[in-house]
Amino acid sequence: MNILITTVVALLVVIVCVHCVQELSTHRLTIGSLFNCIRKAQNMNVGRNFLNFWFIYNEIYEQGDYQPFQVPEGGSVIDVGGNMGLFTCWADELMKRGTMYVFEPIPDLMKVLEHNTSQCKNTVKRFMLGLGSTQETVTIDYFPNANGLSSISMGNKNAMFERTSFVQWVMSKTLLKNPERVDIDIIRLDSMAAELPDIVDFVKIDVEGFELDVLRGFGKLVSRVQVFIIEVEAFKRKQLFDIIFLLRPTHFVTIRDDIRNSWNIVTAIRNNYMNSEGSVWRTTALENL
């Protein structure tokens, strides 16, 4: 009997380990990525959960979710869903003498973001606000241990994980359990149009299901944006098409699946956008997708 129990336990351990390795492989969470992340985190606030920090670092620095990125000297970036500031830090490393407008409505995350972006060489303007289609105060589900999944519109968030791997399902039942309910303020971006430059070179939007509302709040400012890169949950197909139809009159839109097949990355490049060399950037940029 003891031999049987030992064998069963050993098999369970092997199965769990195999699932974990598969999960890490799916997210391209390599040993090299881990060491790079540890080096990056030495002078940074990683929030309440290092694994969560690593996931976000990996998406931005290792997987290149926000490529193609090209901002001329003196240019501008809008970061919608600033989270812990990792995208802002990444953009700062690639920019020269520019300005970044960062929107993060959750006070806990804003404290982390302020610390992590305090050494940026470019100008960082931080706003503890969310963006949407109306000015209002709403309640967000905030997950301290998986803050990148915090959302105003949870929708089928759990269903997204249940359709994937066993490890992700377990994570959804632990990291997404008992969210903190936080009231946040939301504005339309076009309400502060006078504070923004005439041309915005790059906009990143990652707001866990609220992307369409954010874009509607841009109003006519959409035509002032050279490049959008937007993360959209893959199971929200109608929202994906609505975003495409909203951007298509002014931008050339492409879609790519991320490696986990849980999100779509929408890239929208303004029609006839010229790069710093004076050529149409769209063709070169799309070759790098």
C-alpha atoms as a PDB file:
ATOM      1  CA  MET A   1       0.000   0.000   0.000  1.00  0.00           C
ATOM      2  CA  ASN A   2       2.800   2.411   0.893  1.00  0.00           C
ATOM      3  CA  ILE A   3       4.482   1.741  -2.444  1.00  0.00           C
ATOM      4  CA  LEU A   4       1.193   2.474  -4.262  1.00  0.00           C
ATOM      5  CA  ILE A   5       0.662   5.750  -2.398  1.00  0.00           C
ATOM      6  CA  THR A   6       4.255   6.816  -3.056  1.00  0.00           C
ATOM      7  CA  THR A   7       3.891   5.986  -6.742  1.00  0.00           C
ATOM      8  CA  VAL A   8       0.628   7.959  -7.046  1.00  0.00           C
ATOM      9  CA  VAL A   9       2.114  10.985  -5.274  1.00  0.00           C
ATOM     10  CA  ALA A  10       5.207  10.837  -7.484  1.00  0.00           C
ATOM     11  CA  LEU A  11       3.042  10.700 -10.612  1.00  0.00           C
ATOM     12  CA  LEU A  12       0.998  13.684  -9.431  1.00  0.00           C
ATOM     13  CA  VAL A  13       4.185  15.660  -8.786  1.00  0.00           C
ATOM     14  CA  VAL A  14       5.474  14.790 -12.269  1.00  0.00           C
ATOM     15  CA  ILE A  15       2.156  15.813 -13.871  1.00  0.00           C
ATOM     16  CA  VAL A  16       2.113  19.136 -12.042  1.00  0.00           C
ATOM     17  CA  CYS A  17       5.749  19.791 -12.989  1.00  0.00           C
ATOM     18  CA  VAL A  18       5.049  18.986 -16.649  1.00  0.00           C
ATOM     19  CA  HIS A  19       2.063  21.366 -16.637  1.00  0.00           C
ATOM     20  CA  CYS A  20       4.184  24.093 -15.030  1.00  0.00           C
ATOM     21  CA  VAL A  21       6.951  23.652 -17.623  1.00  0.00           C
ATOM     22  CA  GLN A  22       4.366  23.753 -20.428  1.00  0.00           C
ATOM     23  CA  GLU A  23       2.836  26.905 -18.965  1.00  0.00           C
ATOM     24  CA  LEU A  24       6.187  28.639 -18.661  1.00  0.00           C
ATOM     25  CA  SER A  25       7.003  27.609 -22.219  1.00  0.00           C
ATOM     26  CA  THR A  26       3.665  28.962 -23.492  1.00  0.00           C
ATOM     27  CA  HIS A  27       4.414  32.353 -21.942  1.00  0.00           C
ATOM     28  CA  ARG A  28       8.080  32.166 -23.020  1.00  0.00           C
ATOM     29  CA  LEU A  29       9.040  32.540 -19.384  1.00  0.00           C
ATOM     30  CA  THR A  30      12.581  31.273 -19.771  1.00  0.00           C
ATOM     31  CA  ILE A  31      15.427  31.131 -17.272  1.00  0.00           C
ATOM     32  CA  GLY A  32      17.099  33.888 -19.263  1.00  0.00           C
ATOM     33  CA  SER A  33      13.972  36.027 -18.999  1.00  0.00           C
ATOM     34  CA  LEU A  34      13.875  35.419 -15.235  1.00  0.00           C
ATOM     35  CA  PHE A  35      17.474  36.583 -14.741  1.00  0.00           C
ATOM     36  CA  ASN A  36      16.870  39.625 -16.953  1.00  0.00           C
ATOM     37  CA  CYS A  37      13.764  40.426 -14.918  1.00  0.00           C
ATOM     38  CA  ILE A  38      15.642  40.107 -11.625  1.00  0.00           C
ATOM     39  CA  ARG A  39      18.279  42.536 -12.898  1.00  0.00           C
ATOM     40  CA  LYS A  40      15.586  44.972 -14.035  1.00  0.00           C
ATOM     41  CA  ALA A  41      13.799  44.700 -10.685  1.00  0.00           C
ATOM     42  CA  GLN A  42      16.822  45.528  -8.534  1.00  0.00           C
ATOM     43  CA  ASN A  43      15.904  49.198  -8.198  1.00  0.00           C
ATOM     44  CA  MET A  44      12.188  48.814  -8.826  1.00  0.00           C
ATOM     45  CA  ASN A  45       9.062  48.189  -6.781  1.00  0.00           C
ATOM     46  CA  VAL A  46       7.670  44.835  -7.981  1.00  0.00           C
ATOM     47  CA  GLY A  47       4.321  45.215  -6.252  1.00  0.00           C
ATOM     48  CA  ARG A  48       2.882  42.452  -4.086  1.00  0.00           C
ATOM     49  CA  ASN A  49       3.806  39.480  -6.276  1.00  0.00           C
ATOM     50  CA  PHE A  50       7.087  38.952  -8.147  1.00  0.00           C
ATOM     51  CA  LEU A  51       5.548  36.339 -10.494  1.00  0.00           C
ATOM     52  CA  ASN A  52       3.006  38.934 -11.629  1.00  0.00           C
ATOM     53  CA  PHE A  53       5.843  41.445 -12.180  1.00  0.00           C
ATOM     54  CA  TRP A  54       7.739  38.849 -14.222  1.00  0.00           C
ATOM     55  CA  PHE A  55       4.724  38.134 -16.449  1.00  0.00           C
ATOM     56  CA  ILE A  56       4.301  41.833 -17.267  1.00  0.00           C
ATOM     57  CA  TYR A  57       8.047  42.363 -17.719  1.00  0.00           C
ATOM     58  CA  ASN A  58       8.175  39.373 -20.069  1.00  0.00           C
ATOM     59  CA  GLU A  59       5.337  40.674 -22.257  1.00  0.00           C
ATOM     60  CA  ILE A  60       6.963  44.077 -22.677  1.00  0.00           C
ATOM     61  CA  TYR A  61      10.718  43.444 -22.656  1.00  0.00           C
ATOM     62  CA  GLU A  62      11.056  39.867 -23.922  1.00  0.00           C
ATOM     63  CA  GLN A  63       8.034  39.209 -26.153  1.00  0.00           C
ATOM     64  CA  GLY A  64       7.859  42.703 -27.655  1.00  0.00           C
ATOM     65  CA  ASP A  65       4.094  43.103 -27.328  1.00  0.00           C
ATOM     66  CA  TYR A  66       4.378  46.831 -28.050  1.00  0.00           C
ATOM     67  CA  GLN A  67       6.531  46.681 -31.134  1.00  0.00           C
ATOM     68  CA  PRO A  68       6.744  48.337 -33.586  1.00  0.00           C
ATOM     69  CA  PHE A  69       7.686  51.389 -31.505  1.00  0.00           C
ATOM     70  CA  GLN A  70       9.052  54.493 -33.156  1.00  0.00           C
ATOM     71  CA  VAL A  71       8.885  57.916 -31.519  1.00  0.00           C
ATOM     72  CA  PRO A  72      10.961  60.814 -32.890  1.00  0.00           C
ATOM     73  CA  GLU A  73      13.079  63.047 -30.680  1.00  0.00           C
ATOM     74  CA  GLY A  74      10.776  65.403 -28.829  1.00  0.00           C
ATOM     75  CA  GLY A  75       7.832  63.080 -29.452  1.00  0.00           C
ATOM     76  CA  SER A  76       5.001  61.980 -27.183  1.00  0.00           C
ATOM     77  CA  VAL A  77       3.469  58.784 -25.830  1.00  0.00           C
ATOM     78  CA  ILE A  78       0.180  58.117 -24.041  1.00  0.00           C
ATOM     79  CA  ASP A  79       0.101  55.061 -21.770  1.00  0.00           C
ATOM     80  CA  VAL A  80      -3.449  54.049 -20.875  1.00  0.00           C
ATOM     81  CA  GLY A  81      -3.342  51.484 -18.095  1.00  0.00           C
ATOM     82  CA  GLY A  82       0.030  52.412 -16.635  1.00  0.00           C
ATOM     83  CA  ASN A  83      -0.032  49.605 -14.049  1.00  0.00           C
ATOM     84  CA  MET A  84       3.404  49.408 -12.353  1.00  0.00           C
ATOM     85  CA  GLY A  85       5.097  51.596 -14.953  1.00  0.00           C
ATOM     86  CA  LEU A  86       6.991  48.888 -16.834  1.00  0.00           C
ATOM     87  CA  PHE A  87       5.806  50.012 -20.261  1.00  0.00           C
ATOM     88  CA  THR A  88       6.663  53.619 -19.387  1.00  0.00           C
ATOM     89  CA  CYS A  89      10.187  52.561 -18.349  1.00  0.00           C
ATOM     90  CA  TRP A  90      10.595  50.513 -21.543  1.00  0.00           C
ATOM     91  CA  ALA A  91       9.438  53.424 -23.723  1.00  0.00           C
ATOM     92  CA  ASP A  92      11.719  55.778 -21.811  1.00  0.00           C
ATOM     93  CA  GLU A  93      14.733  53.653 -22.764  1.00  0.00           C
ATOM     94  CA  LEU A  94      13.828  53.958 -26.464  1.00  0.00           C
ATOM     95  CA  MET A  95      12.872  57.658 -26.573  1.00  0.00           C
ATOM     96  CA  LYS A  96      14.946  60.827 -26.738  1.00  0.00           C
ATOM     97  CA  ARG A  97      13.702  64.004 -25.086  1.00  0.00           C
ATOM     98  CA  GLY A  98      10.035  63.150 -25.193  1.00  0.00           C
ATOM     99  CA  THR A  99       6.948  63.363 -23.003  1.00  0.00           C
ATOM    100  CA  MET A 100       4.855  60.495 -21.678  1.00  0.00           C
ATOM    101  CA  TYR A 101       1.302  60.888 -20.380  1.00  0.00           C
ATOM    102  CA  VAL A 102       0.506  57.956 -18.095  1.00  0.00           C
ATOM    103  CA  PHE A 103      -2.995  57.120 -16.838  1.00  0.00           C
ATOM    104  CA  GLU A 104      -3.400  54.712 -13.904  1.00  0.00           C
ATOM    105  CA  PRO A 105      -6.529  55.049 -11.747  1.00  0.00           C
ATOM    106  CA  ILE A 106      -5.730  52.647  -8.858  1.00  0.00           C
ATOM    107  CA  PRO A 107      -3.957  54.400  -5.948  1.00  0.00           C
ATOM    108  CA  ASP A 108      -1.991  51.294  -4.917  1.00  0.00           C
ATOM    109  CA  LEU A 109      -0.574  50.915  -8.434  1.00  0.00           C
ATOM    110  CA  MET A 110       0.058  54.638  -8.827  1.00  0.00           C
ATOM    111  CA  LYS A 111       2.423  54.530  -5.838  1.00  0.00           C
ATOM    112  CA  VAL A 112       4.373  51.704  -7.481  1.00  0.00           C
ATOM    113  CA  LEU A 113       4.329  53.500 -10.848  1.00  0.00           C
ATOM    114  CA  GLU A 114       5.602  56.754  -9.336  1.00  0.00           C
ATOM    115  CA  HIS A 115       8.548  54.928  -7.753  1.00  0.00           C
ATOM    116  CA  ASN A 116       9.413  52.947 -10.873  1.00  0.00           C
ATOM    117  CA  THR A 117       9.247  55.922 -13.263  1.00  0.00           C
ATOM    118  CA  SER A 118      10.968  58.428 -10.983  1.00  0.00           C
ATOM    119  CA  GLN A 119      14.321  57.908 -12.744  1.00  0.00           C
ATOM    120  CA  CYS A 120      13.017  58.210 -16.314  1.00  0.00           C
ATOM    121  CA  LYS A 121      15.101  60.581 -18.433  1.00  0.00           C
ATOM    122  CA  ASN A 122      12.056  61.786 -20.357  1.00  0.00           C
ATOM    123  CA  THR A 123       9.231  63.872 -18.928  1.00  0.00           C
ATOM    124  CA  VAL A 124       6.564  61.683 -17.310  1.00  0.00           C
ATOM    125  CA  LYS A 125       3.169  63.237 -16.551  1.00  0.00           C
ATOM    126  CA  ARG A 126       1.144  60.938 -14.307  1.00  0.00           C
ATOM    127  CA  PHE A 127      -2.637  61.048 -13.927  1.00  0.00           C
ATOM    128  CA  MET A 128      -4.470  58.983 -11.311  1.00  0.00           C
ATOM    129  CA  LEU A 129      -7.418  58.672 -13.643  1.00  0.00           C
ATOM    130  CA  GLY A 130      -8.982  56.099 -15.909  1.00  0.00           C
ATOM    131  CA  LEU A 131     -10.054  56.901 -19.462  1.00  0.00           C
ATOM    132  CA  GLY A 132     -13.473  56.094 -20.876  1.00  0.00           C
ATOM    133  CA  SER A 133     -16.379  57.394 -22.932  1.00  0.00           C
ATOM    134  CA  THR A 134     -18.001  59.347 -20.082  1.00  0.00           C
ATOM    135  CA  GLN A 135     -16.881  61.240 -16.996  1.00  0.00           C
ATOM    136  CA  GLU A 136     -17.889  59.163 -13.980  1.00  0.00           C
ATOM    137  CA  THR A 137     -16.777  57.307 -10.870  1.00  0.00           C
ATOM    138  CA  VAL A 138     -16.919  53.520 -11.134  1.00  0.00           C
ATOM    139  CA  THR A 139     -15.797  50.508  -9.111  1.00  0.00           C
ATOM    140  CA  ILE A 140     -12.965  48.320 -10.356  1.00  0.00           C
ATOM    141  CA  ASP A 141     -12.073  44.763  -9.341  1.00  0.00           C
ATOM    142  CA  TYR A 142      -8.457  45.061  -8.226  1.00  0.00           C
ATOM    143  CA  PHE A 143      -6.326  41.927  -7.851  1.00  0.00           C
ATOM    144  CA  PRO A 144      -3.198  42.854  -5.853  1.00  0.00           C
ATOM    145  CA  ASN A 145      -1.413  39.593  -6.758  1.00  0.00           C
ATOM    146  CA  ALA A 146      -2.367  39.757 -10.446  1.00  0.00           C
ATOM    147  CA  ASN A 147      -2.807  43.478 -10.939  1.00  0.00           C
ATOM    148  CA  GLY A 148      -2.531  43.233 -14.711  1.00  0.00           C
ATOM    149  CA  LEU A 149      -5.933  41.493 -14.723  1.00  0.00           C
ATOM    150  CA  SER A 150      -7.766  44.148 -12.699  1.00  0.00           C
ATOM    151  CA  SER A 151     -10.834  45.249 -14.621  1.00  0.00           C
ATOM    152  CA  ILE A 152     -13.926  47.444 -14.599  1.00  0.00           C
ATOM    153  CA  SER A 153     -15.752  44.934 -16.774  1.00  0.00           C
ATOM    154  CA  MET A 154     -14.838  41.443 -15.563  1.00  0.00           C
ATOM    155  CA  GLY A 155     -17.239  39.767 -17.988  1.00  0.00           C
ATOM    156  CA  ASN A 156     -15.980  36.290 -18.888  1.00  0.00           C
ATOM    157  CA  LYS A 157     -12.521  36.749 -17.352  1.00  0.00           C
ATOM    158  CA  ASN A 158     -12.707  33.482 -15.420  1.00  0.00           C
ATOM    159  CA  ALA A 159     -14.057  31.695 -18.484  1.00  0.00           C
ATOM    160  CA  MET A 160     -10.971  32.794 -20.417  1.00  0.00           C
ATOM    161  CA  PHE A 161      -8.759  30.913 -17.956  1.00  0.00           C
ATOM    162  CA  GLU A 162     -11.030  27.893 -17.711  1.00  0.00           C
ATOM    163  CA  ARG A 163     -10.618  27.403 -21.468  1.00  0.00           C
ATOM    164  CA  THR A 164      -6.834  27.241 -21.189  1.00  0.00           C
ATOM    165  CA  SER A 165      -4.378  25.177 -19.211  1.00  0.00           C
ATOM    166  CA  PHE A 166      -4.747  23.470 -15.836  1.00  0.00           C
ATOM    167  CA  VAL A 167      -2.118  25.790 -14.330  1.00  0.00           C
ATOM    168  CA  GLN A 168      -3.953  28.894 -15.545  1.00  0.00           C
ATOM    169  CA  TRP A 169      -7.195  27.503 -14.154  1.00  0.00           C
ATOM    170  CA  VAL A 170      -5.550  27.025 -10.743  1.00  0.00           C
ATOM    171  CA  MET A 171      -4.096  30.538 -10.926  1.00  0.00           C
ATOM    172  CA  SER A 172      -7.522  31.991 -11.721  1.00  0.00           C
ATOM    173  CA  LYS A 173      -8.960  30.319  -8.624  1.00  0.00           C
ATOM    174  CA  THR A 174      -6.214  31.706  -6.394  1.00  0.00           C
ATOM    175  CA  LEU A 175      -4.905  34.988  -7.804  1.00  0.00           C
ATOM    176  CA  LEU A 176      -8.360  36.170  -8.941  1.00  0.00           C
ATOM    177  CA  LYS A 177     -10.018  35.295  -5.669  1.00  0.00           C
ATOM    178  CA  ASN A 178     -11.513  38.007  -3.407  1.00  0.00           C
ATOM    179  CA  PRO A 179     -10.688  41.143  -5.413  1.00  0.00           C
ATOM    180  CA  GLU A 180     -10.479  44.492  -3.680  1.00  0.00           C
ATOM    181  CA  ARG A 181     -13.268  46.829  -4.774  1.00  0.00           C
ATOM    182  CA  VAL A 182     -11.777  50.247  -5.532  1.00  0.00           C
ATOM    183  CA  ASP A 183     -13.620  53.385  -6.661  1.00  0.00           C
ATOM    184  CA  ILE A 184     -11.832  55.177  -9.498  1.00  0.00           C
ATOM    185  CA  ASP A 185     -12.438  58.364 -11.475  1.00  0.00           C
ATOM    186  CA  ILE A 186     -12.823  58.220 -15.258  1.00  0.00           C
ATOM    187  CA  ILE A 187     -12.668  61.047 -17.798  1.00  0.00           C
ATOM    188  CA  ARG A 188     -12.817  61.369 -21.574  1.00  0.00           C
ATOM    189  CA  LEU A 189      -9.385  62.034 -23.026  1.00  0.00           C
ATOM    190  CA  ASP A 190     -10.749  64.748 -25.320  1.00  0.00           C
ATOM    191  CA  SER A 191     -11.700  66.735 -22.196  1.00  0.00           C
ATOM    192  CA  MET A 192      -7.989  67.496 -21.780  1.00  0.00           C
ATOM    193  CA  ALA A 193      -7.194  67.996 -25.457  1.00  0.00           C
ATOM    194  CA  ALA A 194      -5.630  71.398 -24.767  1.00  0.00           C
ATOM    195  CA  GLU A 195      -2.977  69.749 -22.550  1.00  0.00           C
ATOM    196  CA  LEU A 196      -1.899  67.291 -25.250  1.00  0.00           C
ATOM    197  CA  PRO A 197       0.390  67.882 -28.253  1.00  0.00           C
ATOM    198  CA  ASP A 198      -1.055  68.368 -31.728  1.00  0.00           C
ATOM    199  CA  ILE A 199       0.465  65.047 -32.748  1.00  0.00           C
ATOM    200  CA  VAL A 200       0.673  62.034 -30.414  1.00  0.00           C
ATOM    201  CA  ASP A 201       3.258  59.601 -31.730  1.00  0.00           C
ATOM    202  CA  PHE A 202       2.291  56.435 -29.856  1.00  0.00           C
ATOM    203  CA  VAL A 203      -0.642  55.263 -27.747  1.00  0.00           C
ATOM    204  CA  LYS A 204      -0.617  52.024 -25.768  1.00  0.00           C
ATOM    205  CA  ILE A 205      -3.943  50.788 -24.364  1.00  0.00           C
ATOM    206  CA  ASP A 206      -4.182  47.817 -21.994  1.00  0.00           C
ATOM    207  CA  VAL A 207      -7.289  48.130 -19.827  1.00  0.00           C
ATOM    208  CA  GLU A 208      -8.689  44.591 -19.573  1.00  0.00           C
ATOM    209  CA  GLY A 209     -11.921  44.839 -21.528  1.00  0.00           C
ATOM    210  CA  PHE A 210     -12.497  48.607 -21.447  1.00  0.00           C
ATOM    211  CA  GLU A 211     -10.594  49.420 -24.652  1.00  0.00           C
ATOM    212  CA  LEU A 212     -13.580  50.440 -26.781  1.00  0.00           C
ATOM    213  CA  ASP A 213     -14.806  52.890 -24.140  1.00  0.00           C
ATOM    214  CA  VAL A 214     -11.319  54.408 -23.928  1.00  0.00           C
ATOM    215  CA  LEU A 215     -11.191  54.918 -27.703  1.00  0.00           C
ATOM    216  CA  ARG A 216     -14.646  56.459 -27.812  1.00  0.00           C
ATOM    217  CA  GLY A 217     -13.429  58.986 -25.251  1.00  0.00           C
ATOM    218  CA  PHE A 218     -10.661  60.070 -27.630  1.00  0.00           C
ATOM    219  CA  GLY A 219     -13.269  61.652 -29.902  1.00  0.00           C
ATOM    220  CA  LYS A 220     -11.538  63.617 -32.655  1.00  0.00           C
ATOM    221  CA  LEU A 221      -8.176  63.075 -30.960  1.00  0.00           C
ATOM    222  CA  VAL A 222      -8.032  59.680 -32.711  1.00  0.00           C
ATOM    223  CA  SER A 223      -6.886  61.436 -35.884  1.00  0.00           C
ATOM    224  CA  ARG A 224      -3.998  63.070 -33.972  1.00  0.00           C
ATOM    225  CA  VAL A 225      -2.468  59.695 -33.045  1.00  0.00           C
ATOM    226  CA  GLN A 226       0.211  58.219 -35.282  1.00  0.00           C
ATOM    227  CA  VAL A 227       0.253  54.688 -33.853  1.00  0.00           C
ATOM    228  CA  PHE A 228      -2.067  52.749 -31.550  1.00  0.00           C
ATOM    229  CA  ILE A 229      -1.194  49.375 -30.045  1.00  0.00           C
ATOM    230  CA  ILE A 230      -4.122  47.915 -28.129  1.00  0.00           C
ATOM    231  CA  GLU A 231      -4.467  44.640 -26.244  1.00  0.00           C
ATOM    232  CA  VAL A 232      -7.948  43.112 -26.632  1.00  0.00           C
ATOM    233  CA  GLU A 233      -9.179  39.946 -24.938  1.00  0.00           C
ATOM    234  CA  ALA A 234      -9.589  37.265 -27.595  1.00  0.00           C
ATOM    235  CA  PHE A 235     -13.015  36.111 -26.430  1.00  0.00           C
ATOM    236  CA  LYS A 236     -14.502  39.602 -26.957  1.00  0.00           C
ATOM    237  CA  ARG A 237     -14.892  39.299 -30.715  1.00  0.00           C
ATOM    238  CA  LYS A 238     -17.601  41.945 -31.116  1.00  0.00           C
ATOM    239  CA  GLN A 239     -15.512  44.508 -29.241  1.00  0.00           C
ATOM    240  CA  LEU A 240     -12.530  43.656 -31.436  1.00  0.00           C
ATOM    241  CA  PHE A 241     -14.525  44.374 -34.608  1.00  0.00           C
ATOM    242  CA  ASP A 242     -16.006  47.568 -33.122  1.00  0.00           C
ATOM    243  CA  ILE A 243     -12.469  48.806 -32.384  1.00  0.00           C
ATOM    244  CA  ILE A 244     -11.400  48.027 -35.943  1.00  0.00           C
ATOM    245  CA  PHE A 245     -14.380  49.898 -37.410  1.00  0.00           C
ATOM    246  CA  LEU A 246     -13.723  52.884 -35.152  1.00  0.00           C
ATOM    247  CA  LEU A 247     -10.071  53.163 -36.217  1.00  0.00           C
ATOM    248  CA  ARG A 248     -10.305  52.150 -39.865  1.00  0.00           C
ATOM    249  CA  PRO A 249     -11.356  55.566 -41.296  1.00  0.00           C
ATOM    250  CA  THR A 250      -8.068  57.134 -40.141  1.00  0.00           C
ATOM    251  CA  HIS A 251      -5.679  54.219 -39.580  1.00  0.00           C
ATOM    252  CA  PHE A 252      -4.430  51.073 -41.255  1.00  0.00           C
ATOM    253  CA  VAL A 253      -5.332  48.281 -38.817  1.00  0.00           C
ATOM    254  CA  THR A 254      -3.738  44.863 -38.374  1.00  0.00           C
ATOM    255  CA  ILE A 255      -4.347  42.153 -35.768  1.00  0.00           C
ATOM    256  CA  ARG A 256      -2.042  39.526 -34.346  1.00  0.00           C
ATOM    257  CA  ASP A 257      -2.640  36.851 -31.727  1.00  0.00           C
ATOM    258  CA  ASP A 258      -0.349  36.784 -28.754  1.00  0.00           C
ATOM    259  CA  ILE A 259       1.484  33.512 -28.143  1.00  0.00           C
ATOM    260  CA  ARG A 260      -1.045  32.405 -25.517  1.00  0.00           C
ATOM    261  CA  ASN A 261      -4.052  32.889 -27.828  1.00  0.00           C
ATOM    262  CA  SER A 262      -5.843  34.695 -24.991  1.00  0.00           C
ATOM    263  CA  TRP A 263      -5.373  38.212 -26.340  1.00  0.00           C
ATOM    264  CA  ASN A 264      -5.304  39.987 -29.683  1.00  0.00           C
ATOM    265  CA  ILE A 265      -2.849  42.806 -30.326  1.00  0.00           C
ATOM    266  CA  VAL A 266      -4.399  45.525 -32.510  1.00  0.00           C
ATOM    267  CA  THR A 267      -1.890  47.737 -34.321  1.00  0.00           C
ATOM    268  CA  ALA A 268      -3.283  50.862 -36.002  1.00  0.00           C
ATOM    269  CA  ILE A 269      -0.951  53.128 -37.990  1.00  0.00           C
ATOM    270  CA  ARG A 270      -2.308  56.435 -39.218  1.00  0.00           C
ATOM    271  CA  ASN A 271      -2.856  56.564 -42.954  1.00  0.00           C
ATOM    272  CA  ASN A 272       0.168  58.057 -44.771  1.00  0.00           C
ATOM    273  CA  TYR A 273       2.121  58.351 -41.515  1.00  0.00           C
ATOM    274  CA  MET A 274       5.656  59.444 -42.411  1.00  0.00           C
ATOM    275  CA  ASN A 275       8.624  58.372 -40.337  1.00  0.00           C
ATOM    276  CA  SER A 276      11.642  60.482 -39.418  1.00  0.00           C
ATOM    277  CA  GLU A 277      13.371  59.475 -42.672  1.00  0.00           C
ATOM    278  CA  GLY A 278      10.470  60.886 -44.681  1.00  0.00           C
ATOM    279  CA  SER A 279       9.109  57.566 -45.968  1.00  0.00           C
ATOM    280  CA  VAL A 280       5.795  55.900 -45.257  1.00  0.00           C
ATOM    281  CA  TRP A 281       6.509  54.008 -42.051  1.00  0.00           C
ATOM    282  CA  ARG A 282       3.564  51.660 -42.315  1.00  0.00           C
ATOM    283  CA  THR A 283       5.205  49.218 -44.721  1.00  0.00           C
ATOM    284  CA  THR A 284       8.438  48.870 -42.755  1.00  0.00           C
ATOM    285  CA  ALA A 285       6.634  48.631 -39.428  1.00  0.00           C
ATOM    286  CA  LEU A 286       4.305  45.863 -40.544  1.00  0.00           C
ATOM    287  CA  GLU A 287       7.228  43.794 -41.801  1.00  0.00           C
ATOM    288  CA  ASN A 288       8.424  43.654 -38.191  1.00  0.00           C
ATOM    289  CA  LEU A 289       5.176  42.338 -36.723  1.00  0.00           C
END
